Amino acid sequence: MVTMAPINTIMARVAALGRLVVLSVMMLLCAASGQAFAENSVTGMRLGAIKIDDRDGLRLVIETKSPIKARLLLLQSPYRLVIDMPETSWNVAQLAPRGNLDVTPGKAYRFGNPQPDIGRLVIELAKPAAPVRAFSLPPLGGGNRFVIDLLDTGKTAFLVASSALEKNPNIDLSESATNQNLARDDDNVRLAKPLSMPLPKSKPSRAAGKTAPAQLAVPKPRPRKWVVFIDAGHGGKDPGAIGKAGTQEKAITLAAARELARQLTATGKITPILARDDDRYLRLRQRIRLARQNQADLFISLHADSA
């Protein structure tokens, strides 16, 4: 007579295996997180009105923990300059995430993380304007400084600059590129009044006659849960390996997948997705497609050899 191993023995082994896998997954994702989301941060921003050849302009200074590579785009309807900084977070609690500007050609600004690994600053423009120079300055009693000078150039120049940036939006501001265009306040660039960005507002005063500005359209970033796709091997018409006691591999992998999902959920930091939660057959391509549809950060395929 063929006997099967007690189910509680099998589940105890599955639970122990799950704890080991959870530990491995957490170590792997923490290492990836440190690389993906802690590369750089914006630590300060300043704006100032400038004159370039007697034309009104705006100087934007972004302070960062380390040199950055930025991506610039000029967009219209409405006119705006978009600055994307890969792998960059915001460490500027002293600044409101959105506010108005009273420096030509600026109109308003907002910043945030539309994606967890992209820091974005948007300068809304009151009229067509284009960056006439962008450069980096080495640390001077603080962080690295990324400087952009915007000038009221007119619509034709705006469209030309927009087209050029669309073809080549990337600006290398790493240390190796810092000295390529090291700018200074020369004779034709005259700094006018400096402008500080507004501080975050607390509760709007009922006595105030004006409505407080709306909050940033892109919400402040919050830690994103990792998505782990758990693929229980075999299933349905495919039993997989069969043990001496008649235990089928597809049942073991499904039990292991469910237990692993339970333990990953308990961490509070991971969202597990099961390829299958019942006894069904899935082709390999279907499993891959499901993982991609759920934007999985990690794909774990579970199998069990017979003994």
C-alpha atoms as a PDB file:
ATOM      1  CA  MET A   1       0.000   0.000   0.000  1.00  0.00           C
ATOM      2  CA  VAL A   2       1.387   3.421  -0.993  1.00  0.00           C
ATOM      3  CA  THR A   3       1.165   6.010   1.763  1.00  0.00           C
ATOM      4  CA  MET A   4       1.555   9.774   1.486  1.00  0.00           C
ATOM      5  CA  ALA A   5       3.579  11.963   3.795  1.00  0.00           C
ATOM      6  CA  PRO A   6       1.414  13.687   6.426  1.00  0.00           C
ATOM      7  CA  ILE A   7       0.131  17.011   5.107  1.00  0.00           C
ATOM      8  CA  ASN A   8       1.293  18.821   8.238  1.00  0.00           C
ATOM      9  CA  THR A   9       4.845  17.594   7.610  1.00  0.00           C
ATOM     10  CA  ILE A  10       4.741  18.857   4.037  1.00  0.00           C
ATOM     11  CA  MET A  11       3.326  22.236   5.080  1.00  0.00           C
ATOM     12  CA  ALA A  12       5.933  22.627   7.829  1.00  0.00           C
ATOM     13  CA  ARG A  13       8.660  22.136   5.257  1.00  0.00           C
ATOM     14  CA  VAL A  14       6.940  24.551   2.870  1.00  0.00           C
ATOM     15  CA  ALA A  15       6.679  27.206   5.614  1.00  0.00           C
ATOM     16  CA  ALA A  16      10.362  26.816   6.491  1.00  0.00           C
ATOM     17  CA  LEU A  17      11.294  27.108   2.826  1.00  0.00           C
ATOM     18  CA  GLY A  18       9.060  30.172   2.542  1.00  0.00           C
ATOM     19  CA  ARG A  19      10.876  31.917   5.386  1.00  0.00           C
ATOM     20  CA  LEU A  20      14.201  31.280   3.688  1.00  0.00           C
ATOM     21  CA  VAL A  21      12.912  32.592   0.357  1.00  0.00           C
ATOM     22  CA  VAL A  22      11.395  35.693   2.010  1.00  0.00           C
ATOM     23  CA  LEU A  23      14.748  36.494   3.609  1.00  0.00           C
ATOM     24  CA  SER A  24      16.514  36.090   0.266  1.00  0.00           C
ATOM     25  CA  VAL A  25      13.916  38.231  -1.531  1.00  0.00           C
ATOM     26  CA  MET A  26      14.142  41.008   1.072  1.00  0.00           C
ATOM     27  CA  MET A  27      17.951  41.059   0.846  1.00  0.00           C
ATOM     28  CA  LEU A  28      17.806  41.193  -2.950  1.00  0.00           C
ATOM     29  CA  LEU A  29      15.162  43.925  -3.110  1.00  0.00           C
ATOM     30  CA  CYS A  30      16.811  46.027  -0.403  1.00  0.00           C
ATOM     31  CA  ALA A  31      20.056  45.940  -2.352  1.00  0.00           C
ATOM     32  CA  ALA A  32      18.227  46.920  -5.542  1.00  0.00           C
ATOM     33  CA  SER A  33      16.327  49.636  -3.681  1.00  0.00           C
ATOM     34  CA  GLY A  34      19.528  51.168  -2.404  1.00  0.00           C
ATOM     35  CA  GLN A  35      20.863  51.385  -5.939  1.00  0.00           C
ATOM     36  CA  ALA A  36      17.667  52.508  -7.637  1.00  0.00           C
ATOM     37  CA  PHE A  37      16.228  55.064  -5.256  1.00  0.00           C
ATOM     38  CA  ALA A  38      19.072  56.481  -3.169  1.00  0.00           C
ATOM     39  CA  GLU A  39      21.479  57.570  -5.883  1.00  0.00           C
ATOM     40  CA  ASN A  40      20.882  61.317  -5.554  1.00  0.00           C
ATOM     41  CA  SER A  41      18.642  63.937  -4.002  1.00  0.00           C
ATOM     42  CA  VAL A  42      17.767  67.589  -4.533  1.00  0.00           C
ATOM     43  CA  THR A  43      18.714  69.500  -1.386  1.00  0.00           C
ATOM     44  CA  GLY A  44      17.811  73.047  -2.398  1.00  0.00           C
ATOM     45  CA  MET A  45      16.571  75.346  -5.176  1.00  0.00           C
ATOM     46  CA  ARG A  46      16.949  79.053  -5.858  1.00  0.00           C
ATOM     47  CA  LEU A  47      15.533  81.390  -8.469  1.00  0.00           C
ATOM     48  CA  GLY A  48      16.682  84.811  -9.522  1.00  0.00           C
ATOM     49  CA  ALA A  49      15.940  87.415 -12.167  1.00  0.00           C
ATOM     50  CA  ILE A  50      18.830  88.091 -14.552  1.00  0.00           C
ATOM     51  CA  LYS A  51      19.585  90.333 -17.503  1.00  0.00           C
ATOM     52  CA  ILE A  52      21.350  88.954 -20.567  1.00  0.00           C
ATOM     53  CA  ASP A  53      22.138  91.621 -23.139  1.00  0.00           C
ATOM     54  CA  ASP A  54      19.382  93.747 -21.598  1.00  0.00           C
ATOM     55  CA  ARG A  55      16.820  90.987 -22.029  1.00  0.00           C
ATOM     56  CA  ASP A  56      14.847  89.612 -19.077  1.00  0.00           C
ATOM     57  CA  GLY A  57      15.733  86.142 -17.944  1.00  0.00           C
ATOM     58  CA  LEU A  58      15.431  83.709 -15.085  1.00  0.00           C
ATOM     59  CA  ARG A  59      18.260  81.787 -13.437  1.00  0.00           C
ATOM     60  CA  LEU A  60      17.408  78.479 -11.789  1.00  0.00           C
ATOM     61  CA  VAL A  61      19.908  76.867  -9.422  1.00  0.00           C
ATOM     62  CA  ILE A  62      19.276  73.281  -8.295  1.00  0.00           C
ATOM     63  CA  GLU A  63      21.491  71.945  -5.523  1.00  0.00           C
ATOM     64  CA  THR A  64      22.016  68.180  -5.451  1.00  0.00           C
ATOM     65  CA  LYS A  65      23.873  65.744  -3.254  1.00  0.00           C
ATOM     66  CA  SER A  66      26.009  64.580  -6.190  1.00  0.00           C
ATOM     67  CA  PRO A  67      26.408  65.508  -9.874  1.00  0.00           C
ATOM     68  CA  ILE A  68      23.434  64.613 -12.036  1.00  0.00           C
ATOM     69  CA  LYS A  69      22.411  63.842 -15.562  1.00  0.00           C
ATOM     70  CA  ALA A  70      19.313  65.807 -16.491  1.00  0.00           C
ATOM     71  CA  ARG A  71      16.783  65.571 -19.292  1.00  0.00           C
ATOM     72  CA  LEU A  72      15.244  68.829 -20.543  1.00  0.00           C
ATOM     73  CA  LEU A  73      12.077  69.288 -22.579  1.00  0.00           C
ATOM     74  CA  LEU A  74      10.235  72.393 -23.757  1.00  0.00           C
ATOM     75  CA  LEU A  75       6.487  71.919 -24.117  1.00  0.00           C
ATOM     76  CA  GLN A  76       3.611  74.184 -25.096  1.00  0.00           C
ATOM     77  CA  SER A  77      -0.108  74.522 -24.325  1.00  0.00           C
ATOM     78  CA  PRO A  78       0.859  75.795 -21.810  1.00  0.00           C
ATOM     79  CA  TYR A  79       4.489  76.809 -22.264  1.00  0.00           C
ATOM     80  CA  ARG A  80       6.712  75.000 -19.782  1.00  0.00           C
ATOM     81  CA  LEU A  81      10.192  73.661 -19.177  1.00  0.00           C
ATOM     82  CA  VAL A  82      10.372  70.098 -17.825  1.00  0.00           C
ATOM     83  CA  ILE A  83      13.518  68.897 -16.070  1.00  0.00           C
ATOM     84  CA  ASP A  84      13.748  65.171 -15.352  1.00  0.00           C
ATOM     85  CA  MET A  85      16.532  63.886 -13.090  1.00  0.00           C
ATOM     86  CA  PRO A  86      16.941  60.083 -13.037  1.00  0.00           C
ATOM     87  CA  GLU A  87      17.284  58.295  -9.692  1.00  0.00           C
ATOM     88  CA  THR A  88      16.717  61.534  -7.791  1.00  0.00           C
ATOM     89  CA  SER A  89      14.528  62.172  -4.771  1.00  0.00           C
ATOM     90  CA  TRP A  90      13.504  65.446  -3.104  1.00  0.00           C
ATOM     91  CA  ASN A  91      14.980  66.491   0.229  1.00  0.00           C
ATOM     92  CA  VAL A  92      13.578  70.018   0.323  1.00  0.00           C
ATOM     93  CA  ALA A  93      11.059  70.015   3.162  1.00  0.00           C
ATOM     94  CA  GLN A  94      11.552  73.778   3.471  1.00  0.00           C
ATOM     95  CA  LEU A  95      10.030  74.338   0.013  1.00  0.00           C
ATOM     96  CA  ALA A  96       6.402  74.131  -1.038  1.00  0.00           C
ATOM     97  CA  PRO A  97       5.950  71.518  -3.786  1.00  0.00           C
ATOM     98  CA  ARG A  98       4.056  74.071  -5.855  1.00  0.00           C
ATOM     99  CA  GLY A  99       4.025  77.853  -6.096  1.00  0.00           C
ATOM    100  CA  ASN A 100       3.809  80.968  -8.234  1.00  0.00           C
ATOM    101  CA  LEU A 101       6.766  82.903  -9.656  1.00  0.00           C
ATOM    102  CA  ASP A 102       7.034  86.626 -10.251  1.00  0.00           C
ATOM    103  CA  VAL A 103      10.206  86.534 -12.336  1.00  0.00           C
ATOM    104  CA  THR A 104       9.891  86.854 -16.119  1.00  0.00           C
ATOM    105  CA  PRO A 105       9.498  84.571 -18.019  1.00  0.00           C
ATOM    106  CA  GLY A 106       8.532  82.273 -15.151  1.00  0.00           C
ATOM    107  CA  LYS A 107       4.920  81.896 -14.056  1.00  0.00           C
ATOM    108  CA  ALA A 108       4.789  78.954 -11.636  1.00  0.00           C
ATOM    109  CA  TYR A 109       6.674  75.837 -10.607  1.00  0.00           C
ATOM    110  CA  ARG A 110       5.970  72.385  -9.241  1.00  0.00           C
ATOM    111  CA  PHE A 111       8.100  69.393  -8.391  1.00  0.00           C
ATOM    112  CA  GLY A 112       7.668  65.758  -7.406  1.00  0.00           C
ATOM    113  CA  ASN A 113       8.308  62.176  -8.486  1.00  0.00           C
ATOM    114  CA  PRO A 114       5.901  61.099 -11.258  1.00  0.00           C
ATOM    115  CA  GLN A 115       7.760  57.781 -11.126  1.00  0.00           C
ATOM    116  CA  PRO A 116       9.662  56.435  -8.109  1.00  0.00           C
ATOM    117  CA  ASP A 117      13.022  56.781  -9.853  1.00  0.00           C
ATOM    118  CA  ILE A 118      12.450  60.140 -11.605  1.00  0.00           C
ATOM    119  CA  GLY A 119      12.686  63.544  -9.934  1.00  0.00           C
ATOM    120  CA  ARG A 120      10.772  66.127 -11.992  1.00  0.00           C
ATOM    121  CA  LEU A 121      10.724  69.917 -11.860  1.00  0.00           C
ATOM    122  CA  VAL A 122       8.306  71.846 -14.076  1.00  0.00           C
ATOM    123  CA  ILE A 123       8.700  75.585 -14.680  1.00  0.00           C
ATOM    124  CA  GLU A 124       5.531  77.033 -16.194  1.00  0.00           C
ATOM    125  CA  LEU A 125       6.249  79.964 -18.493  1.00  0.00           C
ATOM    126  CA  ALA A 126       4.208  83.116 -18.966  1.00  0.00           C
ATOM    127  CA  LYS A 127       5.516  83.398 -22.535  1.00  0.00           C
ATOM    128  CA  PRO A 128       7.711  81.418 -24.945  1.00  0.00           C
ATOM    129  CA  ALA A 129      11.196  81.104 -23.467  1.00  0.00           C
ATOM    130  CA  ALA A 130      14.140  78.789 -23.881  1.00  0.00           C
ATOM    131  CA  PRO A 131      17.249  77.785 -21.921  1.00  0.00           C
ATOM    132  CA  VAL A 132      20.221  79.683 -23.319  1.00  0.00           C
ATOM    133  CA  ARG A 133      22.722  77.886 -21.118  1.00  0.00           C
ATOM    134  CA  ALA A 134      22.821  74.942 -18.742  1.00  0.00           C
ATOM    135  CA  PHE A 135      25.885  74.078 -16.725  1.00  0.00           C
ATOM    136  CA  SER A 136      27.181  72.622 -13.499  1.00  0.00           C
ATOM    137  CA  LEU A 137      29.226  74.214 -10.749  1.00  0.00           C
ATOM    138  CA  PRO A 138      31.332  72.263  -8.249  1.00  0.00           C
ATOM    139  CA  PRO A 139      30.393  72.259  -4.553  1.00  0.00           C
ATOM    140  CA  LEU A 140      31.058  75.496  -2.713  1.00  0.00           C
ATOM    141  CA  GLY A 141      30.175  75.084   0.945  1.00  0.00           C
ATOM    142  CA  GLY A 142      27.196  72.962  -0.035  1.00  0.00           C
ATOM    143  CA  GLY A 143      26.007  70.567  -2.701  1.00  0.00           C
ATOM    144  CA  ASN A 144      26.613  70.388  -6.421  1.00  0.00           C
ATOM    145  CA  ARG A 145      24.865  73.119  -8.370  1.00  0.00           C
ATOM    146  CA  PHE A 146      22.969  72.661 -11.632  1.00  0.00           C
ATOM    147  CA  VAL A 147      22.283  76.046 -13.251  1.00  0.00           C
ATOM    148  CA  ILE A 148      19.854  76.874 -16.068  1.00  0.00           C
ATOM    149  CA  ASP A 149      19.398  80.335 -17.560  1.00  0.00           C
ATOM    150  CA  LEU A 150      16.018  80.892 -19.249  1.00  0.00           C
ATOM    151  CA  LEU A 151      15.524  83.837 -21.579  1.00  0.00           C
ATOM    152  CA  ASP A 152      12.462  85.414 -23.189  1.00  0.00           C
ATOM    153  CA  THR A 153      13.353  84.372 -26.750  1.00  0.00           C
ATOM    154  CA  GLY A 154      10.060  84.608 -28.617  1.00  0.00           C
ATOM    155  CA  LYS A 155       8.012  81.811 -30.158  1.00  0.00           C
ATOM    156  CA  THR A 156      10.252  81.029 -33.140  1.00  0.00           C
ATOM    157  CA  ALA A 157      13.329  80.507 -30.975  1.00  0.00           C
ATOM    158  CA  PHE A 158      11.189  78.533 -28.523  1.00  0.00           C
ATOM    159  CA  LEU A 159      10.077  76.125 -31.260  1.00  0.00           C
ATOM    160  CA  VAL A 160      13.642  75.707 -32.526  1.00  0.00           C
ATOM    161  CA  ALA A 161      14.918  74.973 -29.010  1.00  0.00           C
ATOM    162  CA  SER A 162      11.988  72.635 -28.340  1.00  0.00           C
ATOM    163  CA  SER A 163      12.770  70.639 -31.476  1.00  0.00           C
ATOM    164  CA  ALA A 164      16.466  70.447 -30.589  1.00  0.00           C
ATOM    165  CA  LEU A 165      15.746  69.228 -27.055  1.00  0.00           C
ATOM    166  CA  GLU A 166      13.260  66.670 -28.350  1.00  0.00           C
ATOM    167  CA  LYS A 167      16.050  65.124 -30.434  1.00  0.00           C
ATOM    168  CA  ASN A 168      18.707  65.379 -27.720  1.00  0.00           C
ATOM    169  CA  PRO A 169      17.193  66.065 -24.272  1.00  0.00           C
ATOM    170  CA  ASN A 170      20.026  64.636 -22.180  1.00  0.00           C
ATOM    171  CA  ILE A 171      22.508  66.954 -20.508  1.00  0.00           C
ATOM    172  CA  ASP A 172      25.549  65.361 -18.895  1.00  0.00           C
ATOM    173  CA  LEU A 173      26.336  67.212 -15.681  1.00  0.00           C
ATOM    174  CA  SER A 174      28.546  64.562 -14.143  1.00  0.00           C
ATOM    175  CA  GLU A 175      31.940  65.497 -12.725  1.00  0.00           C
ATOM    176  CA  SER A 176      33.687  64.597 -15.972  1.00  0.00           C
ATOM    177  CA  ALA A 177      31.509  67.102 -17.831  1.00  0.00           C
ATOM    178  CA  THR A 178      31.552  69.866 -15.229  1.00  0.00           C
ATOM    179  CA  ASN A 179      34.344  71.853 -16.810  1.00  0.00           C
ATOM    180  CA  GLN A 180      32.944  71.727 -20.332  1.00  0.00           C
ATOM    181  CA  ASN A 181      30.921  74.898 -19.829  1.00  0.00           C
ATOM    182  CA  LEU A 182      31.847  76.326 -16.449  1.00  0.00           C
ATOM    183  CA  ALA A 183      29.928  79.588 -16.395  1.00  0.00           C
ATOM    184  CA  ARG A 184      30.383  82.674 -14.298  1.00  0.00           C
ATOM    185  CA  ASP A 185      28.543  85.965 -13.965  1.00  0.00           C
ATOM    186  CA  ASP A 186      30.308  87.794 -16.768  1.00  0.00           C
ATOM    187  CA  ASP A 187      29.690  91.285 -18.100  1.00  0.00           C
ATOM    188  CA  ASN A 188      26.581  90.474 -20.124  1.00  0.00           C
ATOM    189  CA  VAL A 189      24.856  88.560 -17.319  1.00  0.00           C
ATOM    190  CA  ARG A 190      23.651  90.797 -14.521  1.00  0.00           C
ATOM    191  CA  LEU A 191      21.940  89.275 -11.498  1.00  0.00           C
ATOM    192  CA  ALA A 192      18.938  91.280 -10.387  1.00  0.00           C
ATOM    193  CA  LYS A 193      16.867  90.620  -7.261  1.00  0.00           C
ATOM    194  CA  PRO A 194      17.236  87.081  -5.891  1.00  0.00           C
ATOM    195  CA  LEU A 195      14.006  85.230  -5.316  1.00  0.00           C
ATOM    196  CA  SER A 196      13.393  82.522  -2.768  1.00  0.00           C
ATOM    197  CA  MET A 197      10.791  79.877  -3.460  1.00  0.00           C
ATOM    198  CA  PRO A 198       7.799  80.058  -1.098  1.00  0.00           C
ATOM    199  CA  LEU A 199       7.720  77.942   2.026  1.00  0.00           C
ATOM    200  CA  PRO A 200       5.062  75.276   2.495  1.00  0.00           C
ATOM    201  CA  LYS A 201       1.836  76.672   3.857  1.00  0.00           C
ATOM    202  CA  SER A 202       0.032  75.275   6.848  1.00  0.00           C
ATOM    203  CA  LYS A 203      -3.745  75.552   7.102  1.00  0.00           C
ATOM    204  CA  PRO A 204      -5.106  78.384   4.956  1.00  0.00           C
ATOM    205  CA  SER A 205      -6.327  81.276   7.042  1.00  0.00           C
ATOM    206  CA  ARG A 206     -10.069  81.899   6.923  1.00  0.00           C
ATOM    207  CA  ALA A 207      -9.386  85.594   7.351  1.00  0.00           C
ATOM    208  CA  ALA A 208      -7.290  85.715   4.227  1.00  0.00           C
ATOM    209  CA  GLY A 209      -9.104  87.008   1.201  1.00  0.00           C
ATOM    210  CA  LYS A 210      -7.151  84.858  -1.248  1.00  0.00           C
ATOM    211  CA  THR A 211      -7.484  81.153  -1.777  1.00  0.00           C
ATOM    212  CA  ALA A 212      -4.394  79.125  -0.960  1.00  0.00           C
ATOM    213  CA  PRO A 213      -2.673  77.666  -4.042  1.00  0.00           C
ATOM    214  CA  ALA A 214      -3.670  74.152  -5.035  1.00  0.00           C
ATOM    215  CA  GLN A 215      -1.427  71.307  -4.023  1.00  0.00           C
ATOM    216  CA  LEU A 216       0.966  69.637  -6.439  1.00  0.00           C
ATOM    217  CA  ALA A 217      -0.788  67.610  -9.104  1.00  0.00           C
ATOM    218  CA  VAL A 218       1.821  64.874  -8.729  1.00  0.00           C
ATOM    219  CA  PRO A 219       1.523  63.650  -5.114  1.00  0.00           C
ATOM    220  CA  LYS A 220       4.546  63.553  -2.869  1.00  0.00           C
ATOM    221  CA  PRO A 221       6.287  60.240  -3.441  1.00  0.00           C
ATOM    222  CA  ARG A 222       5.629  57.475  -0.979  1.00  0.00           C
ATOM    223  CA  PRO A 223       7.592  54.256  -0.782  1.00  0.00           C
ATOM    224  CA  ARG A 224       6.360  51.931  -3.503  1.00  0.00           C
ATOM    225  CA  LYS A 225       5.776  48.311  -2.627  1.00  0.00           C
ATOM    226  CA  TRP A 226       7.827  45.831  -4.604  1.00  0.00           C
ATOM    227  CA  VAL A 227       5.815  43.461  -6.798  1.00  0.00           C
ATOM    228  CA  VAL A 228       6.958  39.831  -6.669  1.00  0.00           C
ATOM    229  CA  PHE A 229       5.451  37.417  -9.185  1.00  0.00           C
ATOM    230  CA  ILE A 230       5.309  33.847  -7.817  1.00  0.00           C
ATOM    231  CA  ASP A 231       5.020  31.149 -10.450  1.00  0.00           C
ATOM    232  CA  ALA A 232       3.901  27.782  -9.069  1.00  0.00           C
ATOM    233  CA  GLY A 233       5.332  25.268 -11.523  1.00  0.00           C
ATOM    234  CA  HIS A 234       3.179  22.878 -13.569  1.00  0.00           C
ATOM    235  CA  GLY A 235      -0.588  22.624 -12.897  1.00  0.00           C
ATOM    236  CA  GLY A 236      -3.722  21.237 -14.531  1.00  0.00           C
ATOM    237  CA  LYS A 237      -2.909  18.485 -17.032  1.00  0.00           C
ATOM    238  CA  ASP A 238       0.796  18.783 -16.139  1.00  0.00           C
ATOM    239  CA  PRO A 239       1.381  17.172 -12.719  1.00  0.00           C
ATOM    240  CA  GLY A 240       5.147  17.597 -12.776  1.00  0.00           C
ATOM    241  CA  ALA A 241       7.286  15.151 -10.826  1.00  0.00           C
ATOM    242  CA  ILE A 242       5.525  12.476  -8.767  1.00  0.00           C
ATOM    243  CA  GLY A 243       6.984  11.352  -5.447  1.00  0.00           C
ATOM    244  CA  LYS A 244       7.170   7.834  -4.066  1.00  0.00           C
ATOM    245  CA  ALA A 245       4.093   8.514  -1.971  1.00  0.00           C
ATOM    246  CA  GLY A 246       2.196   9.728  -5.046  1.00  0.00           C
ATOM    247  CA  THR A 247       2.475  13.404  -4.190  1.00  0.00           C
ATOM    248  CA  GLN A 248       2.341  15.551  -7.327  1.00  0.00           C
ATOM    249  CA  GLU A 249       4.773  18.401  -7.861  1.00  0.00           C
ATOM    250  CA  LYS A 250       1.995  20.764  -8.983  1.00  0.00           C
ATOM    251  CA  ALA A 251       0.330  20.478  -5.550  1.00  0.00           C
ATOM    252  CA  ILE A 252       3.575  21.122  -3.680  1.00  0.00           C
ATOM    253  CA  THR A 253       4.477  24.175  -5.780  1.00  0.00           C
ATOM    254  CA  LEU A 254       0.978  25.643  -5.352  1.00  0.00           C
ATOM    255  CA  ALA A 255       1.107  25.172  -1.570  1.00  0.00           C
ATOM    256  CA  ALA A 256       4.586  26.707  -1.491  1.00  0.00           C
ATOM    257  CA  ALA A 257       3.448  29.655  -3.639  1.00  0.00           C
ATOM    258  CA  ARG A 258       0.503  30.387  -1.338  1.00  0.00           C
ATOM    259  CA  GLU A 259       2.667  30.180   1.777  1.00  0.00           C
ATOM    260  CA  LEU A 260       5.360  32.376   0.235  1.00  0.00           C
ATOM    261  CA  ALA A 261       2.708  34.937  -0.771  1.00  0.00           C
ATOM    262  CA  ARG A 262       1.371  34.962   2.794  1.00  0.00           C
ATOM    263  CA  GLN A 263       4.825  35.554   4.270  1.00  0.00           C
ATOM    264  CA  LEU A 264       5.716  38.257   1.737  1.00  0.00           C
ATOM    265  CA  THR A 265       2.423  40.061   2.415  1.00  0.00           C
ATOM    266  CA  ALA A 266       3.192  39.974   6.138  1.00  0.00           C
ATOM    267  CA  THR A 267       6.337  42.070   5.572  1.00  0.00           C
ATOM    268  CA  GLY A 268       4.146  45.027   4.570  1.00  0.00           C
ATOM    269  CA  LYS A 269       6.681  45.954   1.897  1.00  0.00           C
ATOM    270  CA  ILE A 270       5.907  43.513  -0.900  1.00  0.00           C
ATOM    271  CA  THR A 271       2.851  42.787  -3.040  1.00  0.00           C
ATOM    272  CA  PRO A 272       2.870  39.143  -4.151  1.00  0.00           C
ATOM    273  CA  ILE A 273       1.123  38.090  -7.362  1.00  0.00           C
ATOM    274  CA  LEU A 274       0.357  34.400  -7.945  1.00  0.00           C
ATOM    275  CA  ALA A 275       0.616  33.016 -11.473  1.00  0.00           C
ATOM    276  CA  ARG A 276      -2.078  30.536 -10.453  1.00  0.00           C
ATOM    277  CA  ASP A 277      -4.078  30.105  -7.274  1.00  0.00           C
ATOM    278  CA  ASP A 278      -5.725  26.853  -8.297  1.00  0.00           C
ATOM    279  CA  ASP A 279      -5.009  23.709 -10.286  1.00  0.00           C
ATOM    280  CA  ARG A 280      -4.807  25.120 -13.797  1.00  0.00           C
ATOM    281  CA  TYR A 281      -2.398  24.723 -16.690  1.00  0.00           C
ATOM    282  CA  LEU A 282      -0.522  27.777 -17.946  1.00  0.00           C
ATOM    283  CA  ARG A 283       1.943  27.929 -20.788  1.00  0.00           C
ATOM    284  CA  LEU A 284       5.302  29.559 -20.138  1.00  0.00           C
ATOM    285  CA  ARG A 285       4.425  32.535 -22.346  1.00  0.00           C
ATOM    286  CA  GLN A 286       1.221  33.080 -20.367  1.00  0.00           C
ATOM    287  CA  ARG A 287       3.189  33.192 -17.117  1.00  0.00           C
ATOM    288  CA  ILE A 288       5.657  35.700 -18.533  1.00  0.00           C
ATOM    289  CA  ARG A 289       2.830  37.849 -19.893  1.00  0.00           C
ATOM    290  CA  LEU A 290       1.072  37.878 -16.512  1.00  0.00           C
ATOM    291  CA  ALA A 291       4.266  38.981 -14.785  1.00  0.00           C
ATOM    292  CA  ARG A 292       4.725  41.831 -17.251  1.00  0.00           C
ATOM    293  CA  GLN A 293       1.082  42.901 -16.999  1.00  0.00           C
ATOM    294  CA  ASN A 294       1.507  43.214 -13.232  1.00  0.00           C
ATOM    295  CA  GLN A 295       4.819  45.103 -13.655  1.00  0.00           C
ATOM    296  CA  ALA A 296       6.648  42.609 -11.479  1.00  0.00           C
ATOM    297  CA  ASP A 297      10.023  43.607 -10.059  1.00  0.00           C
ATOM    298  CA  LEU A 298      10.981  39.990  -9.409  1.00  0.00           C
ATOM    299  CA  PHE A 299       9.884  36.671 -10.959  1.00  0.00           C
ATOM    300  CA  ILE A 300      10.146  33.551  -8.763  1.00  0.00           C
ATOM    301  CA  SER A 301       9.491  30.149 -10.328  1.00  0.00           C
ATOM    302  CA  LEU A 302       8.869  27.301  -7.873  1.00  0.00           C
ATOM    303  CA  HIS A 303       9.591  23.642  -8.644  1.00  0.00           C
ATOM    304  CA  ALA A 304      10.074  20.500  -6.539  1.00  0.00           C
ATOM    305  CA  ASP A 305      12.057  17.390  -7.436  1.00  0.00           C
ATOM    306  CA  SER A 306      10.808  13.951  -6.488  1.00  0.00           C
ATOM    307  CA  ALA A 307      12.596  11.955  -3.826  1.00  0.00           C
END
